[in-house]
Amino acid sequence: MTVNLLGLDAQSMERLFAGLGEKPFRARQVLKWIHKRGAADFAAMTDIAKSLREKLAAAAVIEPPVAVSEGASADGTRKWLLKVDGANAVEAVFIPETGRGTLCVSSQAGCTLDCAFCSTGKQGFNRNLTTAEILGQLWLANKTLGGFGPARPVSNVVFMGMGEPTLNLDNVVPALRLMIDDNGYGLSRRRVTVSTSGVVPGMDRLAAECPVALAVSLHAPDDALRDELVPINRKYPLKELIAACNRYLKRAPRDFITFEYVMLEGVNDSEAQARGLLGIAKKVRCKFNLIPFNPFPRSGFKRSSDARIRSFAQVLQRAGLTVTTRKTRGDEIDAACGQLAGDVADRTRRKTVRLSEVRA
C-alpha cells in the first residue's frame, strides 16, 4: 500500500526513510521539495539520487485533494470545493488582504456539533479528514495562487472551515507541525489559528502537543443561551471552558484567546449581553472578534444591524478590551464564516431528519 507523503510530518517522514534504509537528512530534503517547492513528482527532485526516487515512486505518492469547482468573489476571495473521496467534498477559502493572505481550511467532512447558526453543522457528519487531506488544502492553494516562491500567497492559516478541529487532533496536529516546520511551510505559530467550539479535552491536548493561536467560538455571555447556540456547552459549560482557556495560556504565556462572537439580531446582540461578556474577560486574557451573521437557507436567524454591532463593540471597548469586527468576505459565493457546506454523506442522518421535518 502506498503512502501519501503530504500526510507525513518530519518524524513520520524520517521513520519512512529509515524503513527504506535512508538517512534522516533525505527525509528533510523531500519535505522541502513537497512543501517549499510544491513538487508532486519524484522525478522533479533533481538533487536526490535516482535510486531513492525509484524507491519513493514504488512506495509513496504526493496526492493533494482534487478541486472539483472553484468560485471567486469581487473582493478577491476564492473558494474551492475539494473532493476527498467518492462520497465527500469539503471547502477551503482563501481571503486576500493587504500584506497577508489567509487560508481557511476544513478538518472534517461535515461536523457533529450542530451549532445553531452554522451551515456546516446542518448537513451532518461523515468522517475526519486525514492529515494529507488537511495539509493538501494548503499545498493546493499555494500551487493554484502563484506557487511556492519566497512570497507565497498564503501567510496565515485558520482552522475555521468545515468541522471541529479538536475532535480530529490525530490528523490536525501533524498538519499543524508541518505548517510551522522550517522544512515545511515555515509559518509562525501565531499565524496558524485553531478555532474550537469549546471541546475542553481537545483544547488541553492541543496545548500539550502544538500550542498554536487559539480562537474559541463563544457567541453568548451565559450558559443558558450558549446551550442553545453551541450545544457542546451542555457538556463543557463556561466555567470549564474558561479554565481550559487559562490552562492553554500557561503553555503560551504571551498569547491571548480570541473569543469569536457571531452577531444575531435580537438573540445575543444587546448591550446588556455585551456587558455580560465583561465578566468573562476579567477571568481570561482575551480579545473579541465580532462576526456579522452570514445567512443561509432556513437558518432562522438575521444579521445584527451595523449600528447594533457598533454599539455592542463600544461597550467592550470602553472597558479597555480589544475588539475587532470581521469584514464579511465572499458571501456572494457562500464562502463567508458559517456558510461552508461542501458535500457530505451524512452518517448522523441529520439531513434526512430535517427534510422530513420540513415536509411535515
Protein backbone atom coordinates (compact mmCIF):
# COMPACT_ATOMS: atom_id res chain seq x y z
CA MET A 1 0.00 0.00 0.00
CA THR A 2 1.42 3.39 -0.99
CA VAL A 3 1.59 6.28 1.50
CA ASN A 4 0.64 9.86 0.68
CA LEU A 5 3.67 11.95 1.66
CA LEU A 6 1.50 15.05 2.10
CA GLY A 7 0.32 13.48 5.33
CA LEU A 8 3.72 12.88 6.96
CA ASP A 9 5.29 15.34 9.39
CA ALA A 10 9.06 15.36 9.94
CA GLN A 11 9.12 12.46 12.41
CA SER A 12 6.85 10.29 10.29
CA MET A 13 8.88 11.06 7.18
CA GLU A 14 12.12 10.10 8.94
CA ARG A 15 10.57 6.79 10.05
CA LEU A 16 9.53 6.07 6.48
CA PHE A 17 13.01 6.81 5.19
CA ALA A 18 14.62 4.67 7.89
CA GLY A 19 12.46 1.80 6.67
CA LEU A 20 13.81 2.42 3.18
CA GLY A 21 17.37 2.29 4.50
CA GLU A 22 17.89 6.04 4.04
CA LYS A 23 19.36 8.70 6.34
CA PRO A 24 17.19 11.33 8.08
CA PHE A 25 18.54 14.24 6.01
CA ARG A 26 16.99 12.67 2.92
CA ALA A 27 13.59 12.92 4.59
CA ARG A 28 14.17 16.63 5.19
CA GLN A 29 15.14 17.08 1.54
CA VAL A 30 11.90 15.54 0.39
CA LEU A 31 9.88 17.62 2.86
CA LYS A 32 11.37 20.76 1.35
CA TRP A 33 10.65 19.59 -2.19
CA ILE A 34 6.99 18.96 -1.38
CA HIS A 35 6.15 21.90 0.87
CA LYS A 36 8.63 24.60 -0.10
CA ARG A 37 8.84 23.91 -3.84
CA GLY A 38 5.45 22.33 -4.48
CA ALA A 39 6.77 19.14 -6.08
CA ALA A 40 4.25 16.41 -6.81
CA ASP A 41 6.56 14.28 -8.97
CA PHE A 42 9.57 12.46 -7.58
CA ALA A 43 11.34 12.87 -10.92
CA ALA A 44 11.49 16.63 -10.28
CA MET A 45 13.59 16.14 -7.14
CA THR A 46 16.84 16.57 -9.00
CA ASP A 47 19.24 16.65 -6.01
CA ILE A 48 18.06 13.22 -4.82
CA ALA A 49 19.68 10.04 -6.15
CA LYS A 50 17.75 8.27 -8.90
CA SER A 51 17.74 5.06 -6.85
CA LEU A 52 15.93 6.81 -3.98
CA ARG A 53 13.46 8.44 -6.34
CA GLU A 54 12.65 5.00 -7.70
CA LYS A 55 12.14 3.65 -4.15
CA LEU A 56 9.80 6.54 -3.41
CA ALA A 57 7.83 6.08 -6.61
CA ALA A 58 7.22 2.44 -5.64
CA ALA A 59 6.25 3.16 -2.02
CA ALA A 60 4.64 6.59 -1.97
CA VAL A 61 2.62 9.26 -3.76
CA ILE A 62 2.09 13.01 -3.41
CA GLU A 63 -1.65 13.47 -3.88
CA PRO A 64 -3.47 16.68 -2.89
CA PRO A 65 -7.29 16.80 -2.89
CA VAL A 66 -8.86 17.35 -6.29
CA ALA A 67 -10.66 20.66 -6.84
CA VAL A 68 -14.00 19.91 -8.49
CA SER A 69 -15.11 23.53 -8.58
CA GLU A 70 -13.83 27.00 -7.75
CA GLY A 71 -15.59 30.27 -7.05
CA ALA A 72 -14.25 33.80 -6.92
CA SER A 73 -15.93 36.88 -5.48
CA ALA A 74 -15.48 40.53 -6.41
CA ASP A 75 -13.34 41.15 -3.31
CA GLY A 76 -10.80 38.52 -4.39
CA THR A 77 -11.97 35.75 -2.08
CA ARG A 78 -11.55 32.29 -3.62
CA LYS A 79 -13.40 29.12 -2.60
CA TRP A 80 -12.61 25.57 -3.67
CA LEU A 81 -14.82 22.51 -3.41
CA LEU A 82 -12.35 19.66 -2.89
CA LYS A 83 -13.18 16.01 -3.46
CA VAL A 84 -11.67 13.91 -0.69
CA ASP A 85 -13.26 10.56 -1.58
CA GLY A 86 -16.10 9.12 -3.61
CA ALA A 87 -18.78 10.38 -1.23
CA ASN A 88 -17.46 13.58 0.32
CA ALA A 89 -16.23 17.01 -0.68
CA VAL A 90 -15.08 19.80 1.63
CA GLU A 91 -14.48 23.51 1.15
CA ALA A 92 -11.43 25.73 1.62
CA VAL A 93 -11.40 29.53 1.29
CA PHE A 94 -8.59 31.99 0.54
CA ILE A 95 -9.05 35.58 1.75
CA PRO A 96 -6.58 38.14 0.40
CA GLU A 97 -5.86 41.25 2.45
CA THR A 98 -3.25 43.98 2.34
CA GLY A 99 0.01 42.43 3.50
CA ARG A 100 -1.31 38.92 4.03
CA GLY A 101 -3.35 36.08 2.62
CA THR A 102 -5.41 33.85 4.90
CA LEU A 103 -6.46 30.30 4.04
CA CYS A 104 -9.44 28.85 5.90
CA VAL A 105 -9.14 25.05 5.95
CA SER A 106 -11.53 22.24 6.82
CA SER A 107 -10.72 19.43 9.25
CA GLN A 108 -13.77 17.17 8.90
CA ALA A 109 -16.32 16.20 6.27
CA GLY A 110 -19.29 17.82 7.99
CA CYS A 111 -19.47 18.43 11.73
CA THR A 112 -21.03 16.67 14.71
CA LEU A 113 -21.60 19.75 16.88
CA ASP A 114 -24.59 21.30 15.08
CA CYS A 115 -24.15 24.91 16.23
CA ALA A 116 -27.42 26.71 15.57
CA PHE A 117 -26.05 29.41 13.24
CA CYS A 118 -23.64 27.29 11.15
CA SER A 119 -24.48 25.82 7.75
CA THR A 120 -21.85 23.08 8.03
CA GLY A 121 -23.45 21.55 11.11
CA LYS A 122 -26.83 21.36 9.42
CA GLN A 123 -25.61 18.80 6.90
CA GLY A 124 -24.40 16.24 9.43
CA PHE A 125 -21.09 14.45 9.67
CA ASN A 126 -19.31 11.68 7.79
CA ARG A 127 -15.66 11.42 8.83
CA ASN A 128 -12.44 13.08 9.91
CA LEU A 129 -10.10 14.32 7.21
CA THR A 130 -6.65 12.78 7.05
CA THR A 131 -3.51 14.83 7.57
CA ALA A 132 -2.88 14.68 3.82
CA GLU A 133 -6.38 15.98 3.09
CA ILE A 134 -5.92 18.85 5.56
CA LEU A 135 -2.39 19.78 4.51
CA GLY A 136 -3.34 19.25 0.87
CA GLN A 137 -5.66 22.27 1.09
CA LEU A 138 -2.67 24.50 1.88
CA TRP A 139 -0.49 22.84 -0.77
CA LEU A 140 -3.20 23.24 -3.42
CA ALA A 141 -3.93 26.87 -2.51
CA ASN A 142 -0.28 27.86 -2.82
CA LYS A 143 0.03 25.95 -6.10
CA THR A 144 -3.11 27.49 -7.56
CA LEU A 145 -2.48 31.05 -6.40
CA GLY A 146 1.04 31.53 -7.62
CA GLY A 147 3.46 28.89 -6.50
CA PHE A 148 5.93 28.21 -3.73
CA GLY A 149 8.46 31.03 -4.06
CA PRO A 150 9.62 33.33 -1.23
CA ALA A 151 6.44 35.40 -1.45
CA ARG A 152 3.95 32.54 -1.15
CA PRO A 153 0.33 33.72 -1.30
CA VAL A 154 -0.75 32.05 1.96
CA SER A 155 0.78 33.73 5.01
CA ASN A 156 -1.85 32.70 7.59
CA VAL A 157 -3.90 29.55 8.10
CA VAL A 158 -7.08 29.31 10.17
CA PHE A 159 -8.85 26.08 11.05
CA MET A 160 -12.27 27.69 10.72
CA GLY A 161 -13.64 25.69 7.80
CA MET A 162 -15.82 22.62 7.99
CA GLY A 163 -15.55 20.57 11.18
CA GLU A 164 -14.37 20.82 14.78
CA PRO A 165 -10.54 20.57 14.69
CA THR A 166 -10.14 19.42 18.30
CA LEU A 167 -12.19 16.30 17.53
CA ASN A 168 -9.63 15.29 14.90
CA LEU A 169 -6.31 16.03 16.58
CA ASP A 170 -4.69 12.78 15.45
CA ASN A 171 -4.67 14.34 11.98
CA VAL A 172 -4.75 18.05 12.80
CA VAL A 173 -1.63 18.08 14.99
CA PRO A 174 0.71 16.58 12.32
CA ALA A 175 -0.71 19.10 9.83
CA LEU A 176 -0.01 21.95 12.28
CA ARG A 177 3.54 20.72 12.79
CA LEU A 178 4.17 20.75 9.06
CA MET A 179 2.76 24.26 8.76
CA ILE A 180 5.20 25.65 11.34
CA ASP A 181 8.18 23.40 10.43
CA ASP A 182 11.07 25.25 8.79
CA ASN A 183 11.35 22.35 6.34
CA GLY A 184 7.62 22.61 5.67
CA TYR A 185 5.78 25.93 5.32
CA GLY A 186 7.73 27.80 7.99
CA LEU A 187 4.70 29.73 9.28
CA SER A 188 4.89 31.48 12.62
CA ARG A 189 2.98 29.71 15.39
CA ARG A 190 0.93 32.89 15.81
CA ARG A 191 -0.05 32.84 12.13
CA VAL A 192 -1.78 29.47 12.48
CA THR A 193 -5.07 29.52 14.38
CA VAL A 194 -7.24 26.64 15.54
CA SER A 195 -10.86 27.53 16.23
CA THR A 196 -12.85 25.40 18.64
CA SER A 197 -16.43 25.42 19.85
CA GLY A 198 -15.12 24.55 23.31
CA VAL A 199 -14.16 20.87 23.40
CA VAL A 200 -12.19 21.07 26.64
CA PRO A 201 -10.19 17.79 26.41
CA GLY A 202 -9.16 18.70 22.87
CA MET A 203 -8.02 22.17 23.99
CA ASP A 204 -5.85 20.59 26.68
CA ARG A 205 -4.33 18.13 24.25
CA LEU A 206 -3.63 20.84 21.68
CA ALA A 207 -1.91 22.93 24.37
CA ALA A 208 0.36 20.00 25.22
CA GLU A 209 1.20 18.94 21.66
CA CYS A 210 1.21 22.05 19.45
CA PRO A 211 0.00 25.29 21.08
CA VAL A 212 -0.71 27.50 18.10
CA ALA A 213 -3.04 30.52 18.30
CA LEU A 214 -6.44 29.61 19.72
CA ALA A 215 -9.87 31.02 18.89
CA VAL A 216 -12.94 29.97 20.86
CA SER A 217 -16.46 30.20 19.46
CA LEU A 218 -18.20 31.90 22.38
CA HIS A 219 -21.36 33.51 20.93
CA ALA A 220 -23.14 34.02 24.26
CA PRO A 221 -22.34 35.57 27.66
CA ASP A 222 -24.12 32.91 29.74
CA ASP A 223 -24.70 29.16 29.81
CA ALA A 224 -28.45 29.32 29.17
CA LEU A 225 -28.10 30.98 25.76
CA ARG A 226 -24.86 29.23 24.86
CA ASP A 227 -26.54 25.86 25.49
CA GLU A 228 -28.93 26.74 22.67
CA LEU A 229 -26.45 28.25 20.23
CA VAL A 230 -23.44 25.98 20.87
CA PRO A 231 -24.77 22.63 22.16
CA ILE A 232 -21.32 21.38 23.28
CA ASN A 233 -21.69 23.91 26.11
CA ARG A 234 -24.07 21.49 27.80
CA LYS A 235 -21.11 19.13 28.24
CA TYR A 236 -18.41 21.75 28.85
CA PRO A 237 -20.10 24.86 30.33
CA LEU A 238 -18.48 28.27 30.56
CA LYS A 239 -16.75 27.67 33.89
CA GLU A 240 -14.91 24.65 32.46
CA LEU A 241 -14.26 26.41 29.16
CA ILE A 242 -12.68 29.45 30.83
CA ALA A 243 -10.49 27.20 32.99
CA ALA A 244 -9.32 25.40 29.84
CA CYS A 245 -8.53 28.74 28.19
CA ASN A 246 -6.32 29.72 31.13
CA ARG A 247 -4.55 26.35 31.06
CA TYR A 248 -3.90 26.91 27.37
CA LEU A 249 -2.37 30.31 28.02
CA LYS A 250 0.08 28.80 30.52
CA ARG A 251 1.64 26.98 27.54
CA ALA A 252 1.82 30.24 25.59
CA PRO A 253 2.10 32.98 28.23
CA ARG A 254 2.46 35.88 25.79
CA ASP A 255 -0.68 34.92 23.86
CA PHE A 256 -4.36 35.66 24.33
CA ILE A 257 -7.57 33.83 23.50
CA THR A 258 -9.67 35.21 20.66
CA PHE A 259 -13.34 34.88 21.53
CA GLU A 260 -15.44 34.72 18.37
CA TYR A 261 -18.95 36.10 18.67
CA VAL A 262 -21.44 35.86 15.83
CA MET A 263 -23.90 38.76 15.89
CA LEU A 264 -27.51 37.54 15.74
CA GLU A 265 -30.27 40.12 15.69
CA GLY A 266 -32.41 40.02 18.82
CA VAL A 267 -30.65 36.91 20.12
CA ASN A 268 -27.24 37.83 21.55
CA ASP A 269 -26.60 41.42 20.48
CA SER A 270 -27.98 43.61 23.28
CA GLU A 271 -25.80 46.00 25.26
CA ALA A 272 -26.71 44.06 28.41
CA GLN A 273 -25.30 40.93 26.80
CA ALA A 274 -22.16 42.85 25.83
CA ARG A 275 -21.77 43.84 29.49
CA GLY A 276 -22.17 40.17 30.35
CA LEU A 277 -19.01 39.44 28.38
CA LEU A 278 -17.02 41.76 30.64
CA GLY A 279 -17.23 39.20 33.43
CA ILE A 280 -15.68 36.57 31.16
CA ALA A 281 -12.96 39.00 30.08
CA LYS A 282 -11.97 39.53 33.71
CA LYS A 283 -11.20 35.83 34.04
CA VAL A 284 -9.09 35.20 30.94
CA ARG A 285 -6.67 37.25 28.81
CA CYS A 286 -8.63 37.72 25.60
CA LYS A 287 -9.83 39.83 22.73
CA PHE A 288 -13.18 39.70 20.93
CA ASN A 289 -13.87 39.20 17.25
CA LEU A 290 -17.43 40.16 16.35
CA ILE A 291 -18.74 38.31 13.30
CA PRO A 292 -21.79 39.60 11.40
CA PHE A 293 -24.03 36.59 10.84
CA ASN A 294 -23.86 35.22 7.30
CA PRO A 295 -27.27 33.91 6.24
CA PHE A 296 -28.04 30.52 4.76
CA PRO A 297 -31.42 28.91 3.87
CA ARG A 298 -33.77 28.14 6.77
CA SER A 299 -31.28 29.28 9.41
CA GLY A 300 -33.95 31.14 11.38
CA PHE A 301 -31.55 33.98 12.23
CA LYS A 302 -30.91 37.50 10.96
CA ARG A 303 -27.71 39.55 10.95
CA SER A 304 -27.45 42.31 13.54
CA SER A 305 -27.52 45.80 12.07
CA ASP A 306 -24.25 47.70 11.67
CA ALA A 307 -25.41 50.19 14.28
CA ARG A 308 -26.16 47.43 16.77
CA ILE A 309 -22.75 45.83 16.17
CA ARG A 310 -21.04 49.19 16.73
CA SER A 311 -22.87 49.83 20.00
CA PHE A 312 -22.09 46.29 21.17
CA ALA A 313 -18.40 46.79 20.36
CA GLN A 314 -18.33 50.13 22.17
CA VAL A 315 -19.43 48.51 25.43
CA LEU A 316 -16.40 46.23 25.26
CA GLN A 317 -14.01 48.93 24.07
CA ARG A 318 -14.99 51.32 26.86
CA ALA A 319 -13.90 48.59 29.28
CA GLY A 320 -10.46 48.59 27.66
CA LEU A 321 -10.87 45.40 25.64
CA THR A 322 -9.53 44.83 22.14
CA VAL A 323 -12.43 44.33 19.74
CA THR A 324 -12.43 43.69 16.02
CA THR A 325 -15.40 43.32 13.71
CA ARG A 326 -14.81 40.80 10.97
CA LYS A 327 -15.35 42.15 7.49
CA THR A 328 -17.72 39.87 5.62
CA ARG A 329 -15.86 38.38 2.67
CA GLY A 330 -17.04 36.11 -0.11
CA ASP A 331 -20.67 35.91 0.96
CA GLU A 332 -21.91 36.01 -2.65
CA ILE A 333 -20.13 32.68 -3.27
CA ASP A 334 -21.19 31.24 0.13
CA ALA A 335 -17.59 31.47 1.33
CA ALA A 336 -18.20 33.59 4.43
CA CYS A 337 -17.90 32.42 8.01
CA GLY A 338 -20.59 29.86 8.87
CA GLN A 339 -21.63 29.30 5.24
CA LEU A 340 -19.35 26.41 4.25
CA ALA A 341 -21.35 23.31 3.44
CA GLY A 342 -19.42 21.10 1.00
CA ASP A 343 -20.97 17.78 0.02
CA VAL A 344 -21.13 15.25 2.84
CA ALA A 345 -22.51 11.71 3.03
CA ASP A 346 -24.13 12.22 6.42
CA ARG A 347 -23.65 9.31 8.82
CA THR A 348 -25.70 11.04 11.50
CA ARG A 349 -28.85 11.07 9.31
CA ARG A 350 -29.27 14.71 10.38
CA LYS A 351 -30.10 15.87 6.86
CA THR A 352 -32.71 13.13 6.49
CA VAL A 353 -34.38 14.13 9.73
CA ARG A 354 -34.53 17.79 8.73
CA LEU A 355 -36.01 17.02 5.34
CA SER A 356 -38.79 15.04 6.98
CA GLU A 357 -39.40 17.90 9.43
CA VAL A 358 -39.66 20.37 6.54
CA ARG A 359 -42.15 18.14 4.71
CA ALA A 360 -44.23 17.83 7.87
